Amino acid sequence: ATNLSFLYYLGNELAQATNYADLAINSDRYNPAALTNKGNTVFANGD
């Protein structure tokens, strides 16, 4: 899910990137790459 989130983020598909980042975090709350991806999607939305 972390890798999928990153690929969707690179493709500028933020909704999909956010969904997979959430899935990655829900599967492993301590995954720094998943948390970073989630941060990237939130950053891209201006928060």
All heavy atoms as atom14 arrays in JSON, in Angstrom:
{
  "sequence": "ATNLSFLYYLGNELAQATNYADLAINSDRYNPAALTNKGNTVFANGD",
  "atom14_mask": [
    [1, 1, 1, 1, 1, 0, 0, 0, 0, 0, 0, 0, 0, 0],
    [1, 1, 1, 1, 1, 1, 1, 0, 0, 0, 0, 0, 0, 0],
    [1, 1, 1, 1, 1, 1, 1, 1, 0, 0, 0, 0, 0, 0],
    [1, 1, 1, 1, 1, 1, 1, 1, 0, 0, 0, 0, 0, 0],
    [1, 1, 1, 1, 1, 1, 0, 0, 0, 0, 0, 0, 0, 0],
    [1, 1, 1, 1, 1, 1, 1, 1, 1, 1, 1, 0, 0, 0],
    [1, 1, 1, 1, 1, 1, 1, 1, 0, 0, 0, 0, 0, 0],
    [1, 1, 1, 1, 1, 1, 1, 1, 1, 1, 1, 1, 0, 0],
    [1, 1, 1, 1, 1, 1, 1, 1, 1, 1, 1, 1, 0, 0],
    [1, 1, 1, 1, 1, 1, 1, 1, 0, 0, 0, 0, 0, 0],
    [1, 1, 1, 1, 0, 0, 0, 0, 0, 0, 0, 0, 0, 0],
    [1, 1, 1, 1, 1, 1, 1, 1, 0, 0, 0, 0, 0, 0],
    [1, 1, 1, 1, 1, 1, 1, 1, 1, 0, 0, 0, 0, 0],
    [1, 1, 1, 1, 1, 1, 1, 1, 0, 0, 0, 0, 0, 0],
    [1, 1, 1, 1, 1, 0, 0, 0, 0, 0, 0, 0, 0, 0],
    [1, 1, 1, 1, 1, 1, 1, 1, 1, 0, 0, 0, 0, 0],
    [1, 1, 1, 1, 1, 0, 0, 0, 0, 0, 0, 0, 0, 0],
    [1, 1, 1, 1, 1, 1, 1, 0, 0, 0, 0, 0, 0, 0],
    [1, 1, 1, 1, 1, 1, 1, 1, 0, 0, 0, 0, 0, 0],
    [1, 1, 1, 1, 1, 1, 1, 1, 1, 1, 1, 1, 0, 0],
    [1, 1, 1, 1, 1, 0, 0, 0, 0, 0, 0, 0, 0, 0],
    [1, 1, 1, 1, 1, 1, 1, 1, 0, 0, 0, 0, 0, 0],
    [1, 1, 1, 1, 1, 1, 1, 1, 0, 0, 0, 0, 0, 0],
    [1, 1, 1, 1, 1, 0, 0, 0, 0, 0, 0, 0, 0, 0],
    [1, 1, 1, 1, 1, 1, 1, 1, 0, 0, 0, 0, 0, 0],
    [1, 1, 1, 1, 1, 1, 1, 1, 0, 0, 0, 0, 0, 0],
    [1, 1, 1, 1, 1, 1, 0, 0, 0, 0, 0, 0, 0, 0],
    [1, 1, 1, 1, 1, 1, 1, 1, 0, 0, 0, 0, 0, 0],
    [1, 1, 1, 1, 1, 1, 1, 1, 1, 1, 1, 0, 0, 0],
    [1, 1, 1, 1, 1, 1, 1, 1, 1, 1, 1, 1, 0, 0],
    [1, 1, 1, 1, 1, 1, 1, 1, 0, 0, 0, 0, 0, 0],
    [1, 1, 1, 1, 1, 1, 1, 0, 0, 0, 0, 0, 0, 0],
    [1, 1, 1, 1, 1, 0, 0, 0, 0, 0, 0, 0, 0, 0],
    [1, 1, 1, 1, 1, 0, 0, 0, 0, 0, 0, 0, 0, 0],
    [1, 1, 1, 1, 1, 1, 1, 1, 0, 0, 0, 0, 0, 0],
    [1, 1, 1, 1, 1, 1, 1, 0, 0, 0, 0, 0, 0, 0],
    [1, 1, 1, 1, 1, 1, 1, 1, 0, 0, 0, 0, 0, 0],
    [1, 1, 1, 1, 1, 1, 1, 1, 1, 0, 0, 0, 0, 0],
    [1, 1, 1, 1, 0, 0, 0, 0, 0, 0, 0, 0, 0, 0],
    [1, 1, 1, 1, 1, 1, 1, 1, 0, 0, 0, 0, 0, 0],
    [1, 1, 1, 1, 1, 1, 1, 0, 0, 0, 0, 0, 0, 0],
    [1, 1, 1, 1, 1, 1, 1, 0, 0, 0, 0, 0, 0, 0],
    [1, 1, 1, 1, 1, 1, 1, 1, 1, 1, 1, 0, 0, 0],
    [1, 1, 1, 1, 1, 0, 0, 0, 0, 0, 0, 0, 0, 0],
    [1, 1, 1, 1, 1, 1, 1, 1, 0, 0, 0, 0, 0, 0],
    [1, 1, 1, 1, 0, 0, 0, 0, 0, 0, 0, 0, 0, 0],
    [1, 1, 1, 1, 1, 1, 1, 1, 0, 0, 0, 0, 0, 0]
  ],
  "atom14_positions": [
    [[0.83, -1.21, 0.0], [0.0, 0.0, 0.0], [0.87, 1.26, 0.0], [0.52, 2.26, -0.64], [-0.94, -0.01, 1.2], [0.0, 0.0, 0.0], [0.0, 0.0, 0.0], [0.0, 0.0, 0.0], [0.0, 0.0, 0.0], [0.0, 0.0, 0.0], [0.0, 0.0, 0.0], [0.0, 0.0, 0.0], [0.0, 0.0, 0.0], [0.0, 0.0, 0.0]],
    [[2.0, 1.21, 0.71], [2.93, 2.35, 0.72], [3.44, 2.62, -0.69], [3.45, 3.76, -1.15], [4.11, 2.07, 1.67], [3.6, 1.89, 2.99], [5.11, 3.2, 1.66], [0.0, 0.0, 0.0], [0.0, 0.0, 0.0], [0.0, 0.0, 0.0], [0.0, 0.0, 0.0], [0.0, 0.0, 0.0], [0.0, 0.0, 0.0], [0.0, 0.0, 0.0]],
    [[3.85, 1.56, -1.38], [4.36, 1.72, -2.75], [3.27, 2.18, -3.71], [3.51, 3.03, -4.57], [5.01, 0.43, -3.23], [6.31, 0.15, -2.5], [7.04, 1.07, -2.13], [6.6, -1.12, -2.29], [0.0, 0.0, 0.0], [0.0, 0.0, 0.0], [0.0, 0.0, 0.0], [0.0, 0.0, 0.0], [0.0, 0.0, 0.0], [0.0, 0.0, 0.0]],
    [[2.08, 1.63, -3.54], [0.96, 2.07, -4.39], [0.64, 3.54, -4.15], [0.41, 4.3, -5.09], [-0.28, 1.21, -4.12], [-0.26, -0.18, -4.75], [-1.33, -1.06, -4.13], [-0.44, -0.07, -6.26], [0.0, 0.0, 0.0], [0.0, 0.0, 0.0], [0.0, 0.0, 0.0], [0.0, 0.0, 0.0], [0.0, 0.0, 0.0], [0.0, 0.0, 0.0]],
    [[0.65, 3.94, -2.89], [0.39, 5.34, -2.56], [1.41, 6.24, -3.24], [1.06, 7.27, -3.83], [0.43, 5.54, -1.04], [0.32, 6.9, -0.71], [0.0, 0.0, 0.0], [0.0, 0.0, 0.0], [0.0, 0.0, 0.0], [0.0, 0.0, 0.0], [0.0, 0.0, 0.0], [0.0, 0.0, 0.0], [0.0, 0.0, 0.0], [0.0, 0.0, 0.0]],
    [[2.67, 5.85, -3.17], [3.73, 6.65, -3.77], [3.56, 6.73, -5.29], [3.68, 7.8, -5.89], [5.1, 6.08, -3.4], [6.24, 6.92, -3.87], [6.47, 8.16, -3.32], [7.07, 6.48, -4.88], [7.53, 8.96, -3.75], [8.13, 7.26, -5.32], [8.36, 8.5, -4.76], [0.0, 0.0, 0.0], [0.0, 0.0, 0.0], [0.0, 0.0, 0.0]],
    [[3.25, 5.6, -5.92], [3.06, 5.61, -7.37], [1.88, 6.49, -7.78], [1.97, 7.25, -8.74], [2.86, 4.18, -7.89], [4.1, 3.29, -7.87], [3.73, 1.85, -8.23], [5.16, 3.82, -8.82], [0.0, 0.0, 0.0], [0.0, 0.0, 0.0], [0.0, 0.0, 0.0], [0.0, 0.0, 0.0], [0.0, 0.0, 0.0], [0.0, 0.0, 0.0]],
    [[0.78, 6.4, -7.04], [-0.37, 7.26, -7.36], [-0.04, 8.73, -7.1], [-0.48, 9.6, -7.85], [-1.61, 6.83, -6.56], [-2.3, 5.64, -7.17], [-2.41, 4.45, -6.47], [-2.87, 5.71, -8.44], [-3.06, 3.35, -7.03], [-3.51, 4.61, -9.01], [-3.59, 3.44, -8.29], [-4.23, 2.37, -8.85], [0.0, 0.0, 0.0], [0.0, 0.0, 0.0]],
    [[0.74, 8.98, -6.07], [1.16, 10.36, -5.78], [1.99, 10.91, -6.96], [1.77, 12.02, -7.4], [1.96, 10.41, -4.48], [2.44, 11.8, -4.12], [1.58, 12.73, -3.56], [3.75, 12.18, -4.37], [2.01, 14.01, -3.24], [4.19, 13.45, -4.05], [3.32, 14.35, -3.5], [3.76, 15.62, -3.19], [0.0, 0.0, 0.0], [0.0, 0.0, 0.0]],
    [[2.92, 10.09, -7.43], [3.74, 10.52, -8.57], [2.89, 10.77, -9.81], [3.21, 11.63, -10.62], [4.82, 9.47, -8.88], [5.95, 9.35, -7.87], [6.89, 8.22, -8.28], [6.7, 10.65, -7.73], [0.0, 0.0, 0.0], [0.0, 0.0, 0.0], [0.0, 0.0, 0.0], [0.0, 0.0, 0.0], [0.0, 0.0, 0.0], [0.0, 0.0, 0.0]],
    [[1.82, 9.99, -9.96], [0.9, 10.17, -11.08], [-0.12, 11.27, -10.85], [-1.04, 11.44, -11.64], [0.0, 0.0, 0.0], [0.0, 0.0, 0.0], [0.0, 0.0, 0.0], [0.0, 0.0, 0.0], [0.0, 0.0, 0.0], [0.0, 0.0, 0.0], [0.0, 0.0, 0.0], [0.0, 0.0, 0.0], [0.0, 0.0, 0.0], [0.0, 0.0, 0.0]],
    [[0.03, 11.99, -9.75], [-0.85, 13.1, -9.38], [-2.31, 12.65, -9.2], [-3.23, 13.41, -9.47], [-0.74, 14.25, -10.39], [-1.14, 15.57, -9.77], [-1.0, 15.76, -8.56], [-1.66, 16.48, -10.57], [0.0, 0.0, 0.0], [0.0, 0.0, 0.0], [0.0, 0.0, 0.0], [0.0, 0.0, 0.0], [0.0, 0.0, 0.0], [0.0, 0.0, 0.0]],
    [[-2.47, 11.41, -8.75], [-3.8, 10.9, -8.42], [-3.91, 10.91, -6.91], [-3.75, 9.89, -6.24], [-3.99, 9.5, -8.99], [-3.96, 9.45, -10.51], [-4.15, 8.06, -11.05], [-5.11, 7.39, -10.62], [-3.34, 7.65, -11.89], [0.0, 0.0, 0.0], [0.0, 0.0, 0.0], [0.0, 0.0, 0.0], [0.0, 0.0, 0.0], [0.0, 0.0, 0.0]],
    [[-4.18, 12.1, -6.35], [-4.12, 12.3, -4.9], [-5.16, 11.5, -4.13], [-4.89, 11.04, -3.02], [-4.22, 13.79, -4.57], [-3.03, 14.64, -5.02], [-3.25, 16.1, -4.63], [-1.74, 14.12, -4.43], [0.0, 0.0, 0.0], [0.0, 0.0, 0.0], [0.0, 0.0, 0.0], [0.0, 0.0, 0.0], [0.0, 0.0, 0.0], [0.0, 0.0, 0.0]],
    [[-6.35, 11.33, -4.69], [-7.38, 10.57, -3.98], [-6.92, 9.12, -3.78], [-7.03, 8.58, -2.67], [-8.7, 10.62, -4.74], [0.0, 0.0, 0.0], [0.0, 0.0, 0.0], [0.0, 0.0, 0.0], [0.0, 0.0, 0.0], [0.0, 0.0, 0.0], [0.0, 0.0, 0.0], [0.0, 0.0, 0.0], [0.0, 0.0, 0.0], [0.0, 0.0, 0.0]],
    [[-6.4, 8.52, -4.83], [-5.9, 7.14, -4.73], [-4.69, 7.08, -3.81], [-4.55, 6.15, -3.02], [-5.55, 6.58, -6.11], [-6.74, 6.18, -6.93], [-7.38, 4.91, -6.41], [-7.95, 4.88, -5.32], [-7.29, 3.85, -7.19], [0.0, 0.0, 0.0], [0.0, 0.0, 0.0], [0.0, 0.0, 0.0], [0.0, 0.0, 0.0], [0.0, 0.0, 0.0]],
    [[-3.8, 8.04, -3.95], [-2.61, 8.08, -3.09], [-3.0, 8.17, -1.63], [-2.43, 7.49, -0.77], [-1.71, 9.26, -3.48], [0.0, 0.0, 0.0], [0.0, 0.0, 0.0], [0.0, 0.0, 0.0], [0.0, 0.0, 0.0], [0.0, 0.0, 0.0], [0.0, 0.0, 0.0], [0.0, 0.0, 0.0], [0.0, 0.0, 0.0], [0.0, 0.0, 0.0]],
    [[-4.01, 8.98, -1.34], [-4.49, 9.13, 0.04], [-5.1, 7.82, 0.54], [-4.83, 7.39, 1.66], [-5.53, 10.27, 0.12], [-4.9, 11.49, -0.29], [-6.06, 10.43, 1.52], [0.0, 0.0, 0.0], [0.0, 0.0, 0.0], [0.0, 0.0, 0.0], [0.0, 0.0, 0.0], [0.0, 0.0, 0.0], [0.0, 0.0, 0.0], [0.0, 0.0, 0.0]],
    [[-5.92, 7.18, -0.3], [-6.55, 5.91, 0.1], [-5.5, 4.86, 0.45], [-5.62, 4.17, 1.48], [-7.46, 5.38, -1.02], [-8.7, 6.22, -1.2], [-9.11, 6.94, -0.28], [-9.29, 6.14, -2.37], [0.0, 0.0, 0.0], [0.0, 0.0, 0.0], [0.0, 0.0, 0.0], [0.0, 0.0, 0.0], [0.0, 0.0, 0.0], [0.0, 0.0, 0.0]],
    [[-4.48, 4.72, -0.39], [-3.46, 3.71, -0.13], [-2.55, 4.11, 1.04], [-2.08, 3.24, 1.78], [-2.66, 3.4, -1.39], [-3.42, 2.45, -2.3], [-4.04, 2.91, -3.45], [-3.55, 1.11, -1.97], [-4.77, 2.04, -4.26], [-4.27, 0.24, -2.77], [-4.87, 0.71, -3.91], [-5.6, -0.16, -4.7], [0.0, 0.0, 0.0], [0.0, 0.0, 0.0]],
    [[-2.33, 5.39, 1.23], [-1.55, 5.83, 2.4], [-2.3, 5.47, 3.67], [-1.71, 4.97, 4.64], [-1.26, 7.32, 2.33], [0.0, 0.0, 0.0], [0.0, 0.0, 0.0], [0.0, 0.0, 0.0], [0.0, 0.0, 0.0], [0.0, 0.0, 0.0], [0.0, 0.0, 0.0], [0.0, 0.0, 0.0], [0.0, 0.0, 0.0], [0.0, 0.0, 0.0]],
    [[-3.61, 5.7, 3.67], [-4.44, 5.34, 4.83], [-4.41, 3.83, 5.08], [-4.28, 3.38, 6.22], [-5.89, 5.81, 4.63], [-6.03, 7.32, 4.71], [-5.16, 7.99, 5.31], [-7.03, 7.85, 4.17], [0.0, 0.0, 0.0], [0.0, 0.0, 0.0], [0.0, 0.0, 0.0], [0.0, 0.0, 0.0], [0.0, 0.0, 0.0], [0.0, 0.0, 0.0]],
    [[-4.53, 3.05, 4.01], [-4.47, 1.59, 4.13], [-3.13, 1.15, 4.71], [-3.07, 0.29, 5.59], [-4.72, 0.94, 2.77], [-4.63, -0.59, 2.72], [-5.7, -1.22, 3.62], [-4.78, -1.08, 1.29], [0.0, 0.0, 0.0], [0.0, 0.0, 0.0], [0.0, 0.0, 0.0], [0.0, 0.0, 0.0], [0.0, 0.0, 0.0], [0.0, 0.0, 0.0]],
    [[-2.05, 1.75, 4.22], [-0.72, 1.4, 4.71], [-0.57, 1.72, 6.2], [-0.02, 0.92, 6.96], [0.35, 2.14, 3.9], [0.0, 0.0, 0.0], [0.0, 0.0, 0.0], [0.0, 0.0, 0.0], [0.0, 0.0, 0.0], [0.0, 0.0, 0.0], [0.0, 0.0, 0.0], [0.0, 0.0, 0.0], [0.0, 0.0, 0.0], [0.0, 0.0, 0.0]],
    [[-1.07, 2.87, 6.61], [-0.98, 3.27, 8.02], [-1.85, 2.37, 8.88], [-1.44, 1.95, 9.96], [-1.36, 4.76, 8.19], [-0.29, 5.64, 7.56], [-1.54, 5.11, 9.66], [-0.67, 7.11, 7.45], [0.0, 0.0, 0.0], [0.0, 0.0, 0.0], [0.0, 0.0, 0.0], [0.0, 0.0, 0.0], [0.0, 0.0, 0.0], [0.0, 0.0, 0.0]],
    [[-3.04, 2.03, 8.4], [-3.92, 1.15, 9.16], [-3.32, -0.25, 9.3], [-3.56, -0.93, 10.3], [-5.31, 1.06, 8.51], [-6.07, 2.36, 8.66], [-5.81, 3.15, 9.57], [-7.0, 2.61, 7.75], [0.0, 0.0, 0.0], [0.0, 0.0, 0.0], [0.0, 0.0, 0.0], [0.0, 0.0, 0.0], [0.0, 0.0, 0.0], [0.0, 0.0, 0.0]],
    [[-2.56, -0.68, 8.31], [-1.92, -2.0, 8.37], [-0.69, -1.99, 9.26], [-0.36, -3.01, 9.87], [-1.5, -2.44, 6.96], [-2.64, -2.56, 6.15], [0.0, 0.0, 0.0], [0.0, 0.0, 0.0], [0.0, 0.0, 0.0], [0.0, 0.0, 0.0], [0.0, 0.0, 0.0], [0.0, 0.0, 0.0], [0.0, 0.0, 0.0], [0.0, 0.0, 0.0]],
    [[0.03, -0.87, 9.31], [1.24, -0.76, 10.14], [1.42, 0.7, 10.53], [1.98, 1.49, 9.77], [2.45, -1.28, 9.37], [3.75, -1.2, 10.17], [3.71, -0.82, 11.37], [4.81, -1.51, 9.6], [0.0, 0.0, 0.0], [0.0, 0.0, 0.0], [0.0, 0.0, 0.0], [0.0, 0.0, 0.0], [0.0, 0.0, 0.0], [0.0, 0.0, 0.0]],
    [[0.97, 1.04, 11.71], [0.98, 2.43, 12.19], [2.41, 2.98, 12.34], [2.6, 4.18, 12.44], [0.24, 2.5, 13.54], [0.09, 3.87, 14.1], [-0.83, 4.69, 13.22], [-0.74, 6.09, 13.57], [-1.37, 7.04, 12.95], [-2.15, 6.78, 11.94], [-1.24, 8.28, 13.32], [0.0, 0.0, 0.0], [0.0, 0.0, 0.0], [0.0, 0.0, 0.0]],
    [[3.41, 2.12, 12.39], [4.78, 2.53, 12.63], [5.62, 2.56, 11.35], [6.83, 2.61, 11.41], [5.43, 1.64, 13.68], [4.65, 1.65, 14.97], [3.81, 0.6, 15.32], [4.7, 2.76, 15.81], [3.07, 0.64, 16.49], [3.95, 2.81, 16.98], [3.14, 1.74, 17.31], [2.4, 1.79, 18.45], [0.0, 0.0, 0.0], [0.0, 0.0, 0.0]],
    [[4.98, 2.54, 10.19], [5.67, 2.55, 8.91], [5.99, 4.0, 8.53], [5.1, 4.75, 8.14], [4.76, 1.89, 7.86], [5.36, 1.85, 6.48], [6.29, 2.58, 6.17], [4.82, 0.99, 5.64], [0.0, 0.0, 0.0], [0.0, 0.0, 0.0], [0.0, 0.0, 0.0], [0.0, 0.0, 0.0], [0.0, 0.0, 0.0], [0.0, 0.0, 0.0]],
    [[7.28, 4.42, 8.64], [7.61, 5.82, 8.37], [7.36, 6.23, 6.91], [6.97, 7.37, 6.66], [9.09, 5.92, 8.72], [9.6, 4.54, 8.78], [8.44, 3.64, 9.05], [0.0, 0.0, 0.0], [0.0, 0.0, 0.0], [0.0, 0.0, 0.0], [0.0, 0.0, 0.0], [0.0, 0.0, 0.0], [0.0, 0.0, 0.0], [0.0, 0.0, 0.0]],
    [[7.53, 5.31, 5.98], [7.27, 5.65, 4.58], [5.78, 5.9, 4.34], [5.41, 6.8, 3.59], [7.78, 4.54, 3.66], [0.0, 0.0, 0.0], [0.0, 0.0, 0.0], [0.0, 0.0, 0.0], [0.0, 0.0, 0.0], [0.0, 0.0, 0.0], [0.0, 0.0, 0.0], [0.0, 0.0, 0.0], [0.0, 0.0, 0.0], [0.0, 0.0, 0.0]],
    [[4.93, 5.11, 4.99], [3.48, 5.31, 4.86], [3.08, 6.65, 5.46], [2.27, 7.38, 4.88], [2.73, 4.17, 5.55], [0.0, 0.0, 0.0], [0.0, 0.0, 0.0], [0.0, 0.0, 0.0], [0.0, 0.0, 0.0], [0.0, 0.0, 0.0], [0.0, 0.0, 0.0], [0.0, 0.0, 0.0], [0.0, 0.0, 0.0], [0.0, 0.0, 0.0]],
    [[3.64, 6.97, 6.62], [3.33, 8.25, 7.26], [3.82, 9.42, 6.41], [3.14, 10.44, 6.29], [3.95, 8.29, 8.66], [3.32, 7.33, 9.66], [4.24, 7.1, 10.85], [1.96, 7.83, 10.11], [0.0, 0.0, 0.0], [0.0, 0.0, 0.0], [0.0, 0.0, 0.0], [0.0, 0.0, 0.0], [0.0, 0.0, 0.0], [0.0, 0.0, 0.0]],
    [[4.97, 9.25, 5.8], [5.5, 10.29, 4.92], [4.61, 10.46, 3.69], [4.3, 11.59, 3.29], [6.95, 9.97, 4.51], [7.76, 9.87, 5.69], [7.53, 11.04, 3.6], [0.0, 0.0, 0.0], [0.0, 0.0, 0.0], [0.0, 0.0, 0.0], [0.0, 0.0, 0.0], [0.0, 0.0, 0.0], [0.0, 0.0, 0.0], [0.0, 0.0, 0.0]],
    [[4.18, 9.33, 3.11], [3.27, 9.42, 1.96], [1.98, 10.13, 2.33], [1.47, 10.95, 1.57], [2.95, 8.03, 1.42], [4.07, 7.43, 0.61], [5.0, 8.12, 0.22], [3.98, 6.15, 0.35], [0.0, 0.0, 0.0], [0.0, 0.0, 0.0], [0.0, 0.0, 0.0], [0.0, 0.0, 0.0], [0.0, 0.0, 0.0], [0.0, 0.0, 0.0]],
    [[1.44, 9.8, 3.5], [0.21, 10.47, 3.95], [0.48, 11.97, 4.12], [-0.34, 12.8, 3.69], [-0.26, 9.85, 5.27], [-1.52, 10.48, 5.82], [-2.72, 10.29, 4.92], [-3.96, 10.88, 5.58], [-5.14, 10.79, 4.75], [0.0, 0.0, 0.0], [0.0, 0.0, 0.0], [0.0, 0.0, 0.0], [0.0, 0.0, 0.0], [0.0, 0.0, 0.0]],
    [[1.61, 12.3, 4.7], [1.99, 13.71, 4.82], [2.08, 14.39, 3.47], [1.65, 15.53, 3.3], [0.0, 0.0, 0.0], [0.0, 0.0, 0.0], [0.0, 0.0, 0.0], [0.0, 0.0, 0.0], [0.0, 0.0, 0.0], [0.0, 0.0, 0.0], [0.0, 0.0, 0.0], [0.0, 0.0, 0.0], [0.0, 0.0, 0.0], [0.0, 0.0, 0.0]],
    [[2.62, 13.68, 2.48], [2.75, 14.25, 1.14], [1.39, 14.54, 0.51], [1.21, 15.57, -0.14], [3.54, 13.3, 0.23], [5.0, 13.21, 0.62], [5.51, 14.0, 1.41], [5.69, 12.22, 0.08], [0.0, 0.0, 0.0], [0.0, 0.0, 0.0], [0.0, 0.0, 0.0], [0.0, 0.0, 0.0], [0.0, 0.0, 0.0], [0.0, 0.0, 0.0]],
    [[0.44, 13.64, 0.73], [-0.89, 13.88, 0.14], [-1.57, 15.06, 0.83], [-2.23, 15.86, 0.17], [-1.79, 12.62, 0.21], [-2.01, 12.26, 1.57], [-1.17, 11.47, -0.56], [0.0, 0.0, 0.0], [0.0, 0.0, 0.0], [0.0, 0.0, 0.0], [0.0, 0.0, 0.0], [0.0, 0.0, 0.0], [0.0, 0.0, 0.0], [0.0, 0.0, 0.0]],
    [[-1.39, 15.17, 2.13], [-1.98, 16.29, 2.88], [-1.29, 17.59, 2.47], [-1.94, 18.62, 2.29], [-1.87, 16.03, 4.4], [-2.31, 17.22, 5.21], [-2.67, 14.79, 4.79], [0.0, 0.0, 0.0], [0.0, 0.0, 0.0], [0.0, 0.0, 0.0], [0.0, 0.0, 0.0], [0.0, 0.0, 0.0], [0.0, 0.0, 0.0], [0.0, 0.0, 0.0]],
    [[0.05, 17.54, 2.31], [0.83, 18.7, 1.87], [0.32, 19.18, 0.5], [0.11, 20.37, 0.29], [2.31, 18.32, 1.78], [3.24, 19.45, 1.48], [3.98, 20.05, 2.5], [3.42, 19.94, 0.19], [4.86, 21.09, 2.24], [4.29, 20.97, -0.08], [5.02, 21.55, 0.94], [0.0, 0.0, 0.0], [0.0, 0.0, 0.0], [0.0, 0.0, 0.0]],
    [[0.11, 18.22, -0.41], [-0.35, 18.58, -1.76], [-1.72, 19.25, -1.74], [-2.04, 20.03, -2.63], [-0.39, 17.33, -2.65], [0.0, 0.0, 0.0], [0.0, 0.0, 0.0], [0.0, 0.0, 0.0], [0.0, 0.0, 0.0], [0.0, 0.0, 0.0], [0.0, 0.0, 0.0], [0.0, 0.0, 0.0], [0.0, 0.0, 0.0], [0.0, 0.0, 0.0]],
    [[-2.5, 18.95, -0.71], [-3.82, 19.59, -0.56], [-3.75, 20.9, 0.21], [-4.78, 21.51, 0.49], [-4.81, 18.63, 0.1], [-5.23, 17.53, -0.85], [-5.45, 17.78, -2.03], [-5.33, 16.31, -0.35], [0.0, 0.0, 0.0], [0.0, 0.0, 0.0], [0.0, 0.0, 0.0], [0.0, 0.0, 0.0], [0.0, 0.0, 0.0], [0.0, 0.0, 0.0]],
    [[-2.54, 21.32, 0.59], [-2.35, 22.63, 1.2], [-2.45, 22.68, 2.72], [-2.36, 23.76, 3.3], [0.0, 0.0, 0.0], [0.0, 0.0, 0.0], [0.0, 0.0, 0.0], [0.0, 0.0, 0.0], [0.0, 0.0, 0.0], [0.0, 0.0, 0.0], [0.0, 0.0, 0.0], [0.0, 0.0, 0.0], [0.0, 0.0, 0.0], [0.0, 0.0, 0.0]],
    [[-2.62, 21.54, 3.38], [-2.69, 21.53, 4.85], [-1.3, 21.23, 5.4], [-0.99, 20.09, 5.79], [-3.72, 20.49, 5.33], [-4.01, 20.6, 6.82], [-3.27, 21.31, 7.53], [-4.97, 19.95, 7.27], [0.0, 0.0, 0.0], [0.0, 0.0, 0.0], [0.0, 0.0, 0.0], [0.0, 0.0, 0.0], [0.0, 0.0, 0.0], [0.0, 0.0, 0.0]]
  ]
}
